[in-house]
Amino acid sequence: MNERNGLPADDAADVPSDLPTDAAESMAQFFGNPKDVMDKYSHCTLCGANLHFSHVTDFYRNLTQETAKCPECGIKIRRVMHRLQ
C-alpha cells in the first residue's frame, strides 16, 4: 500500500504525482467559521470570482478528481483526488 494515497503500489504509479491525493490534505488550508471556509473554497484567491468545479471519476480505481478553475483569471486553483467508499 502507498501511504500517501492508500492505493496498492502498482496502482499508485498511475496517479499523477503533482496532484494532492488526499482531500484532508487539501482542506487543511481552510480554517475559521463555516462561512469563511465556504467563501475561501468556492471563490478565486486572486480576483474573487466564483470558481467552476469539474469532477472526473475513475470507477476502476474508486477515485474522483476534482478540479477548480477560475473563469475570470483562467487559472486552475486546485486539483484534489477523492477516494470513493
PDB file of N, CA and C in Angstrom:
ATOM      1  N   MET A   1       0.836  -1.190   0.000  1.00  0.00           N
ATOM      2  CA  MET A   1       0.000   0.000   0.000  1.00  0.00           C
ATOM      3  C   MET A   1       0.876   1.247   0.000  1.00  0.00           C
ATOM      4  N   ASN A   2       0.470   2.213  -0.764  1.00  0.00           N
ATOM      5  CA  ASN A   2       1.135   3.506  -0.775  1.00  0.00           C
ATOM      6  C   ASN A   2       0.527   4.329   0.350  1.00  0.00           C
ATOM      7  N   GLU A   3       1.345   4.783   1.298  1.00  0.00           N
ATOM      8  CA  GLU A   3       0.814   5.505   2.457  1.00  0.00           C
ATOM      9  C   GLU A   3       0.197   6.845   2.086  1.00  0.00           C
ATOM     10  N   ARG A   4       0.666   7.472   1.022  1.00  0.00           N
ATOM     11  CA  ARG A   4       0.180   8.805   0.667  1.00  0.00           C
ATOM     12  C   ARG A   4      -1.260   8.781   0.192  1.00  0.00           C
ATOM     13  N   ASN A   5      -1.622   7.782  -0.629  1.00  0.00           N
ATOM     14  CA  ASN A   5      -2.964   7.806  -1.192  1.00  0.00           C
ATOM     15  C   ASN A   5      -3.773   6.548  -0.925  1.00  0.00           C
ATOM     16  N   GLY A   6      -3.211   5.571  -0.209  1.00  0.00           N
ATOM     17  CA  GLY A   6      -3.959   4.379   0.142  1.00  0.00           C
ATOM     18  C   GLY A   6      -4.179   3.417  -1.000  1.00  0.00           C
ATOM     19  N   LEU A   7      -3.474   3.592  -2.112  1.00  0.00           N
ATOM     20  CA  LEU A   7      -3.612   2.706  -3.256  1.00  0.00           C
ATOM     21  C   LEU A   7      -2.586   1.591  -3.183  1.00  0.00           C
ATOM     22  N   PRO A   8      -2.884   0.431  -3.779  1.00  0.00           N
ATOM     23  CA  PRO A   8      -1.850  -0.589  -3.905  1.00  0.00           C
ATOM     24  C   PRO A   8      -0.668  -0.014  -4.682  1.00  0.00           C
ATOM     25  N   ALA A   9       0.530  -0.530  -4.426  1.00  0.00           N
ATOM     26  CA  ALA A   9       1.752   0.032  -5.008  1.00  0.00           C
ATOM     27  C   ALA A   9       1.702   0.078  -6.532  1.00  0.00           C
ATOM     28  N   ASP A  10       1.128  -0.938  -7.195  1.00  0.00           N
ATOM     29  CA  ASP A  10       1.087  -0.924  -8.658  1.00  0.00           C
ATOM     30  C   ASP A  10       0.113   0.117  -9.199  1.00  0.00           C
ATOM     31  N   ASP A  11      -0.965   0.428  -8.489  1.00  0.00           N
ATOM     32  CA  ASP A  11      -1.907   1.454  -8.928  1.00  0.00           C
ATOM     33  C   ASP A  11      -1.421   2.854  -8.599  1.00  0.00           C
ATOM     34  N   ALA A  12      -0.567   2.990  -7.604  1.00  0.00           N
ATOM     35  CA  ALA A  12      -0.089   4.310  -7.188  1.00  0.00           C
ATOM     36  C   ALA A  12       0.715   4.977  -8.289  1.00  0.00           C
ATOM     37  N   ALA A  13       1.360   4.196  -9.143  1.00  0.00           N
ATOM     38  CA  ALA A  13       2.170   4.770 -10.218  1.00  0.00           C
ATOM     39  C   ALA A  13       1.298   5.462 -11.258  1.00  0.00           C
ATOM     40  N   ASP A  14       0.025   5.090 -11.358  1.00  0.00           N
ATOM     41  CA  ASP A  14      -0.867   5.679 -12.354  1.00  0.00           C
ATOM     42  C   ASP A  14      -1.459   7.013 -11.918  1.00  0.00           C
ATOM     43  N   VAL A  15      -1.341   7.379 -10.652  1.00  0.00           N
ATOM     44  CA  VAL A  15      -1.884   8.637 -10.146  1.00  0.00           C
ATOM     45  C   VAL A  15      -0.843   9.721 -10.354  1.00  0.00           C
ATOM     46  N   PRO A  16      -1.183  10.829 -11.029  1.00  0.00           N
ATOM     47  CA  PRO A  16      -0.204  11.897 -11.249  1.00  0.00           C
ATOM     48  C   PRO A  16       0.368  12.397  -9.935  1.00  0.00           C
ATOM     49  N   SER A  17       1.692  12.547  -9.885  1.00  0.00           N
ATOM     50  CA  SER A  17       2.353  12.907  -8.633  1.00  0.00           C
ATOM     51  C   SER A  17       2.226  14.381  -8.293  1.00  0.00           C
ATOM     52  N   ASP A  18       1.854  15.233  -9.263  1.00  0.00           N
ATOM     53  CA  ASP A  18       1.755  16.662  -8.979  1.00  0.00           C
ATOM     54  C   ASP A  18       0.422  17.036  -8.341  1.00  0.00           C
ATOM     55  N   LEU A  19      -0.456  16.062  -8.126  1.00  0.00           N
ATOM     56  CA  LEU A  19      -1.764  16.331  -7.542  1.00  0.00           C
ATOM     57  C   LEU A  19      -1.790  15.939  -6.077  1.00  0.00           C
ATOM     58  N   PRO A  20      -2.426  16.749  -5.242  1.00  0.00           N
ATOM     59  CA  PRO A  20      -2.662  16.261  -3.886  1.00  0.00           C
ATOM     60  C   PRO A  20      -3.603  15.070  -3.983  1.00  0.00           C
ATOM     61  N   THR A  21      -3.307  13.997  -3.280  1.00  0.00           N
ATOM     62  CA  THR A  21      -4.133  12.800  -3.407  1.00  0.00           C
ATOM     63  C   THR A  21      -5.055  12.601  -2.219  1.00  0.00           C
ATOM     64  N   ASP A  22      -5.063  13.519  -1.301  1.00  0.00           N
ATOM     65  CA  ASP A  22      -5.866  13.356  -0.113  1.00  0.00           C
ATOM     66  C   ASP A  22      -6.726  14.596   0.095  1.00  0.00           C
ATOM     67  N   ALA A  23      -8.021  14.406   0.240  1.00  0.00           N
ATOM     68  CA  ALA A  23      -8.921  15.542   0.436  1.00  0.00           C
ATOM     69  C   ALA A  23      -8.630  16.259   1.750  1.00  0.00           C
ATOM     70  N   ALA A  24      -8.258  15.513   2.795  1.00  0.00           N
ATOM     71  CA  ALA A  24      -7.948  16.142   4.084  1.00  0.00           C
ATOM     72  C   ALA A  24      -6.728  17.045   3.957  1.00  0.00           C
ATOM     73  N   GLU A  25      -5.753  16.625   3.151  1.00  0.00           N
ATOM     74  CA  GLU A  25      -4.559  17.446   2.912  1.00  0.00           C
ATOM     75  C   GLU A  25      -4.943  18.755   2.234  1.00  0.00           C
ATOM     76  N   SER A  26      -5.864  18.693   1.295  1.00  0.00           N
ATOM     77  CA  SER A  26      -6.309  19.885   0.585  1.00  0.00           C
ATOM     78  C   SER A  26      -7.120  20.811   1.492  1.00  0.00           C
ATOM     79  N   MET A  27      -7.960  20.245   2.341  1.00  0.00           N
ATOM     80  CA  MET A  27      -8.821  21.043   3.210  1.00  0.00           C
ATOM     81  C   MET A  27      -8.073  21.638   4.400  1.00  0.00           C
ATOM     82  N   ALA A  28      -6.851  21.179   4.673  1.00  0.00           N
ATOM     83  CA  ALA A  28      -6.089  21.667   5.822  1.00  0.00           C
ATOM     84  C   ALA A  28      -5.793  23.160   5.720  1.00  0.00           C
ATOM     85  N   GLN A  29      -5.804  23.706   4.505  1.00  0.00           N
ATOM     86  CA  GLN A  29      -5.510  25.129   4.324  1.00  0.00           C
ATOM     87  C   GLN A  29      -6.681  26.024   4.727  1.00  0.00           C
ATOM     88  N   PHE A  30      -7.861  25.461   4.946  1.00  0.00           N
ATOM     89  CA  PHE A  30      -9.047  26.231   5.285  1.00  0.00           C
ATOM     90  C   PHE A  30      -9.326  26.142   6.781  1.00  0.00           C
ATOM     91  N   PHE A  31      -9.515  27.294   7.405  1.00  0.00           N
ATOM     92  CA  PHE A  31      -9.841  27.331   8.821  1.00  0.00           C
ATOM     93  C   PHE A  31     -10.697  28.555   9.086  1.00  0.00           C
ATOM     94  N   GLY A  32     -11.373  28.578  10.226  1.00  0.00           N
ATOM     95  CA  GLY A  32     -12.257  29.683  10.574  1.00  0.00           C
ATOM     96  C   GLY A  32     -13.682  29.198  10.698  1.00  0.00           C
ATOM     97  N   ASN A  33     -14.620  30.152  10.673  1.00  0.00           N
ATOM     98  CA  ASN A  33     -16.024  29.751  10.786  1.00  0.00           C
ATOM     99  C   ASN A  33     -16.502  29.195   9.438  1.00  0.00           C
ATOM    100  N   PRO A  34     -17.614  28.459   9.428  1.00  0.00           N
ATOM    101  CA  PRO A  34     -18.069  27.799   8.201  1.00  0.00           C
ATOM    102  C   PRO A  34     -18.273  28.744   7.011  1.00  0.00           C
ATOM    103  N   LYS A  35     -18.779  29.950   7.239  1.00  0.00           N
ATOM    104  CA  LYS A  35     -18.997  30.884   6.131  1.00  0.00           C
ATOM    105  C   LYS A  35     -17.669  31.288   5.491  1.00  0.00           C
ATOM    106  N   ASP A  36     -16.659  31.575   6.311  1.00  0.00           N
ATOM    107  CA  ASP A  36     -15.343  31.938   5.781  1.00  0.00           C
ATOM    108  C   ASP A  36     -14.719  30.788   4.994  1.00  0.00           C
ATOM    109  N   VAL A  37     -14.861  29.574   5.509  1.00  0.00           N
ATOM    110  CA  VAL A  37     -14.307  28.406   4.823  1.00  0.00           C
ATOM    111  C   VAL A  37     -14.976  28.221   3.466  1.00  0.00           C
ATOM    112  N   MET A  38     -16.295  28.337   3.398  1.00  0.00           N
ATOM    113  CA  MET A  38     -17.009  28.183   2.125  1.00  0.00           C
ATOM    114  C   MET A  38     -16.617  29.271   1.135  1.00  0.00           C
ATOM    115  N   ASP A  39     -16.436  30.497   1.611  1.00  0.00           N
ATOM    116  CA  ASP A  39     -16.006  31.582   0.726  1.00  0.00           C
ATOM    117  C   ASP A  39     -14.616  31.315   0.167  1.00  0.00           C
ATOM    118  N   LYS A  40     -13.700  30.860   1.010  1.00  0.00           N
ATOM    119  CA  LYS A  40     -12.338  30.560   0.552  1.00  0.00           C
ATOM    120  C   LYS A  40     -12.334  29.401  -0.433  1.00  0.00           C
ATOM    121  N   TYR A  41     -13.190  28.399  -0.193  1.00  0.00           N
ATOM    122  CA  TYR A  41     -13.212  27.203  -1.031  1.00  0.00           C
ATOM    123  C   TYR A  41     -13.839  27.467  -2.396  1.00  0.00           C
ATOM    124  N   SER A  42     -14.846  28.327  -2.453  1.00  0.00           N
ATOM    125  CA  SER A  42     -15.611  28.486  -3.690  1.00  0.00           C
ATOM    126  C   SER A  42     -15.296  29.750  -4.480  1.00  0.00           C
ATOM    127  N   HIS A  43     -14.350  30.583  -3.998  1.00  0.00           N
ATOM    128  CA  HIS A  43     -14.001  31.812  -4.708  1.00  0.00           C
ATOM    129  C   HIS A  43     -12.509  31.860  -5.018  1.00  0.00           C
ATOM    130  N   CYS A  44     -12.159  32.499  -6.119  1.00  0.00           N
ATOM    131  CA  CYS A  44     -10.770  32.649  -6.556  1.00  0.00           C
ATOM    132  C   CYS A  44      -9.994  33.499  -5.553  1.00  0.00           C
ATOM    133  N   THR A  45      -8.788  33.070  -5.235  1.00  0.00           N
ATOM    134  CA  THR A  45      -7.957  33.823  -4.295  1.00  0.00           C
ATOM    135  C   THR A  45      -7.373  35.078  -4.933  1.00  0.00           C
ATOM    136  N   LEU A  46      -7.305  35.127  -6.266  1.00  0.00           N
ATOM    137  CA  LEU A  46      -6.739  36.295  -6.945  1.00  0.00           C
ATOM    138  C   LEU A  46      -7.772  37.379  -7.225  1.00  0.00           C
ATOM    139  N   CYS A  47      -8.906  36.986  -7.837  1.00  0.00           N
ATOM    140  CA  CYS A  47      -9.868  38.004  -8.260  1.00  0.00           C
ATOM    141  C   CYS A  47     -11.203  37.940  -7.518  1.00  0.00           C
ATOM    142  N   GLY A  48     -11.461  36.872  -6.771  1.00  0.00           N
ATOM    143  CA  GLY A  48     -12.693  36.759  -6.000  1.00  0.00           C
ATOM    144  C   GLY A  48     -13.884  36.208  -6.764  1.00  0.00           C
ATOM    145  N   ALA A  49     -13.704  35.821  -8.032  1.00  0.00           N
ATOM    146  CA  ALA A  49     -14.808  35.274  -8.831  1.00  0.00           C
ATOM    147  C   ALA A  49     -15.190  33.883  -8.322  1.00  0.00           C
ATOM    148  N   ASN A  50     -16.426  33.465  -8.634  1.00  0.00           N
ATOM    149  CA  ASN A  50     -16.864  32.116  -8.283  1.00  0.00           C
ATOM    150  C   ASN A  50     -16.097  31.104  -9.120  1.00  0.00           C
ATOM    151  N   LEU A  51     -15.606  30.051  -8.468  1.00  0.00           N
ATOM    152  CA  LEU A  51     -14.867  29.004  -9.159  1.00  0.00           C
ATOM    153  C   LEU A  51     -15.823  28.044  -9.850  1.00  0.00           C
ATOM    154  N   HIS A  52     -15.365  27.456 -10.944  1.00  0.00           N
ATOM    155  CA  HIS A  52     -16.099  26.401 -11.628  1.00  0.00           C
ATOM    156  C   HIS A  52     -15.418  25.089 -11.288  1.00  0.00           C
ATOM    157  N   PHE A  53     -16.201  24.122 -10.824  1.00  0.00           N
ATOM    158  CA  PHE A  53     -15.670  22.827 -10.413  1.00  0.00           C
ATOM    159  C   PHE A  53     -16.034  21.779 -11.451  1.00  0.00           C
ATOM    160  N   SER A  54     -15.088  20.890 -11.736  1.00  0.00           N
ATOM    161  CA  SER A  54     -15.372  19.742 -12.591  1.00  0.00           C
ATOM    162  C   SER A  54     -14.892  18.489 -11.868  1.00  0.00           C
ATOM    163  N   HIS A  55     -15.557  17.376 -12.145  1.00  0.00           N
ATOM    164  CA  HIS A  55     -15.240  16.116 -11.485  1.00  0.00           C
ATOM    165  C   HIS A  55     -15.123  15.024 -12.539  1.00  0.00           C
ATOM    166  N   VAL A  56     -14.058  14.235 -12.441  1.00  0.00           N
ATOM    167  CA  VAL A  56     -13.847  13.084 -13.313  1.00  0.00           C
ATOM    168  C   VAL A  56     -13.680  11.876 -12.403  1.00  0.00           C
ATOM    169  N   THR A  57     -14.505  10.853 -12.620  1.00  0.00           N
ATOM    170  CA  THR A  57     -14.488   9.678 -11.755  1.00  0.00           C
ATOM    171  C   THR A  57     -13.879   8.491 -12.476  1.00  0.00           C
ATOM    172  N   ASP A  58     -12.972   7.803 -11.795  1.00  0.00           N
ATOM    173  CA  ASP A  58     -12.371   6.560 -12.266  1.00  0.00           C
ATOM    174  C   ASP A  58     -12.933   5.450 -11.380  1.00  0.00           C
ATOM    175  N   PHE A  59     -13.952   4.753 -11.879  1.00  0.00           N
ATOM    176  CA  PHE A  59     -14.618   3.734 -11.079  1.00  0.00           C
ATOM    177  C   PHE A  59     -13.748   2.498 -10.886  1.00  0.00           C
ATOM    178  N   TYR A  60     -12.791   2.266 -11.786  1.00  0.00           N
ATOM    179  CA  TYR A  60     -11.896   1.119 -11.653  1.00  0.00           C
ATOM    180  C   TYR A  60     -11.024   1.265 -10.411  1.00  0.00           C
ATOM    181  N   ARG A  61     -10.530   2.471 -10.160  1.00  0.00           N
ATOM    182  CA  ARG A  61      -9.661   2.733  -9.008  1.00  0.00           C
ATOM    183  C   ARG A  61     -10.410   3.385  -7.843  1.00  0.00           C
ATOM    184  N   ASN A  62     -11.709   3.621  -8.006  1.00  0.00           N
ATOM    185  CA  ASN A  62     -12.538   4.265  -6.979  1.00  0.00           C
ATOM    186  C   ASN A  62     -11.991   5.626  -6.574  1.00  0.00           C
ATOM    187  N   LEU A  63     -11.671   6.455  -7.566  1.00  0.00           N
ATOM    188  CA  LEU A  63     -11.154   7.800  -7.331  1.00  0.00           C
ATOM    189  C   LEU A  63     -11.963   8.816  -8.117  1.00  0.00           C
ATOM    190  N   THR A  64     -12.111  10.005  -7.569  1.00  0.00           N
ATOM    191  CA  THR A  64     -12.706  11.129  -8.283  1.00  0.00           C
ATOM    192  C   THR A  64     -11.739  12.294  -8.201  1.00  0.00           C
ATOM    193  N   GLN A  65     -11.422  12.867  -9.365  1.00  0.00           N
ATOM    194  CA  GLN A  65     -10.550  14.040  -9.398  1.00  0.00           C
ATOM    195  C   GLN A  65     -11.414  15.280  -9.492  1.00  0.00           C
ATOM    196  N   GLU A  66     -11.246  16.184  -8.532  1.00  0.00           N
ATOM    197  CA  GLU A  66     -11.971  17.448  -8.512  1.00  0.00           C
ATOM    198  C   GLU A  66     -11.008  18.551  -8.951  1.00  0.00           C
ATOM    199  N   THR A  67     -11.426  19.351  -9.924  1.00  0.00           N
ATOM    200  CA  THR A  67     -10.610  20.464 -10.404  1.00  0.00           C
ATOM    201  C   THR A  67     -11.411  21.745 -10.255  1.00  0.00           C
ATOM    202  N   ALA A  68     -10.786  22.769  -9.677  1.00  0.00           N
ATOM    203  CA  ALA A  68     -11.418  24.083  -9.525  1.00  0.00           C
ATOM    204  C   ALA A  68     -10.675  25.069 -10.416  1.00  0.00           C
ATOM    205  N   LYS A  69     -11.425  25.751 -11.285  1.00  0.00           N
ATOM    206  CA  LYS A  69     -10.826  26.693 -12.226  1.00  0.00           C
ATOM    207  C   LYS A  69     -11.589  28.014 -12.160  1.00  0.00           C
ATOM    208  N   CYS A  70     -10.847  29.115 -12.240  1.00  0.00           N
ATOM    209  CA  CYS A  70     -11.460  30.439 -12.222  1.00  0.00           C
ATOM    210  C   CYS A  70     -11.802  30.849 -13.653  1.00  0.00           C
ATOM    211  N   PRO A  71     -13.071  31.165 -13.947  1.00  0.00           N
ATOM    212  CA  PRO A  71     -13.440  31.570 -15.302  1.00  0.00           C
ATOM    213  C   PRO A  71     -12.920  32.964 -15.664  1.00  0.00           C
ATOM    214  N   GLU A  72     -12.664  33.801 -14.677  1.00  0.00           N
ATOM    215  CA  GLU A  72     -12.178  35.162 -14.927  1.00  0.00           C
ATOM    216  C   GLU A  72     -10.676  35.170 -15.212  1.00  0.00           C
ATOM    217  N   CYS A  73      -9.894  34.547 -14.323  1.00  0.00           N
ATOM    218  CA  CYS A  73      -8.429  34.531 -14.456  1.00  0.00           C
ATOM    219  C   CYS A  73      -7.954  33.438 -15.402  1.00  0.00           C
ATOM    220  N   GLY A  74      -8.721  32.345 -15.471  1.00  0.00           N
ATOM    221  CA  GLY A  74      -8.325  31.217 -16.297  1.00  0.00           C
ATOM    222  C   GLY A  74      -7.315  30.292 -15.634  1.00  0.00           C
ATOM    223  N   ILE A  75      -7.062  30.469 -14.336  1.00  0.00           N
ATOM    224  CA  ILE A  75      -6.088  29.610 -13.672  1.00  0.00           C
ATOM    225  C   ILE A  75      -6.792  28.482 -12.937  1.00  0.00           C
ATOM    226  N   LYS A  76      -6.069  27.365 -12.795  1.00  0.00           N
ATOM    227  CA  LYS A  76      -6.573  26.252 -12.004  1.00  0.00           C
ATOM    228  C   LYS A  76      -6.131  26.474 -10.570  1.00  0.00           C
ATOM    229  N   ILE A  77      -7.101  26.581  -9.682  1.00  0.00           N
ATOM    230  CA  ILE A  77      -6.826  26.868  -8.281  1.00  0.00           C
ATOM    231  C   ILE A  77      -6.391  25.609  -7.536  1.00  0.00           C
ATOM    232  N   ARG A  78      -7.114  24.508  -7.734  1.00  0.00           N
ATOM    233  CA  ARG A  78      -6.761  23.290  -7.009  1.00  0.00           C
ATOM    234  C   ARG A  78      -7.227  22.064  -7.775  1.00  0.00           C
ATOM    235  N   ARG A  79      -6.512  20.963  -7.543  1.00  0.00           N
ATOM    236  CA  ARG A  79      -6.904  19.647  -8.041  1.00  0.00           C
ATOM    237  C   ARG A  79      -6.767  18.676  -6.879  1.00  0.00           C
ATOM    238  N   VAL A  80      -7.840  17.978  -6.588  1.00  0.00           N
ATOM    239  CA  VAL A  80      -7.871  17.080  -5.434  1.00  0.00           C
ATOM    240  C   VAL A  80      -8.374  15.717  -5.886  1.00  0.00           C
ATOM    241  N   MET A  81      -7.736  14.665  -5.381  1.00  0.00           N
ATOM    242  CA  MET A  81      -8.195  13.305  -5.622  1.00  0.00           C
ATOM    243  C   MET A  81      -8.999  12.859  -4.408  1.00  0.00           C
ATOM    244  N   HIS A  82     -10.256  12.468  -4.639  1.00  0.00           N
ATOM    245  CA  HIS A  82     -11.119  11.962  -3.570  1.00  0.00           C
ATOM    246  C   HIS A  82     -11.235  10.456  -3.731  1.00  0.00           C
ATOM    247  N   ARG A  83     -11.068   9.749  -2.650  1.00  0.00           N
ATOM    248  CA  ARG A  83     -11.219   8.299  -2.667  1.00  0.00           C
ATOM    249  C   ARG A  83     -12.686   7.967  -2.415  1.00  0.00           C
ATOM    250  N   LEU A  84     -13.272   7.146  -3.273  1.00  0.00           N
ATOM    251  CA  LEU A  84     -14.669   6.736  -3.115  1.00  0.00           C
ATOM    252  C   LEU A  84     -14.762   5.600  -2.112  1.00  0.00           C
ATOM    253  N   GLN A  85     -15.877   5.506  -1.430  1.00  0.00           N
ATOM    254  CA  GLN A  85     -16.077   4.449  -0.424  1.00  0.00           C
ATOM    255  C   GLN A  85     -16.405   3.149  -1.089  1.00  0.00           C
TER     256      GLN A  85
END
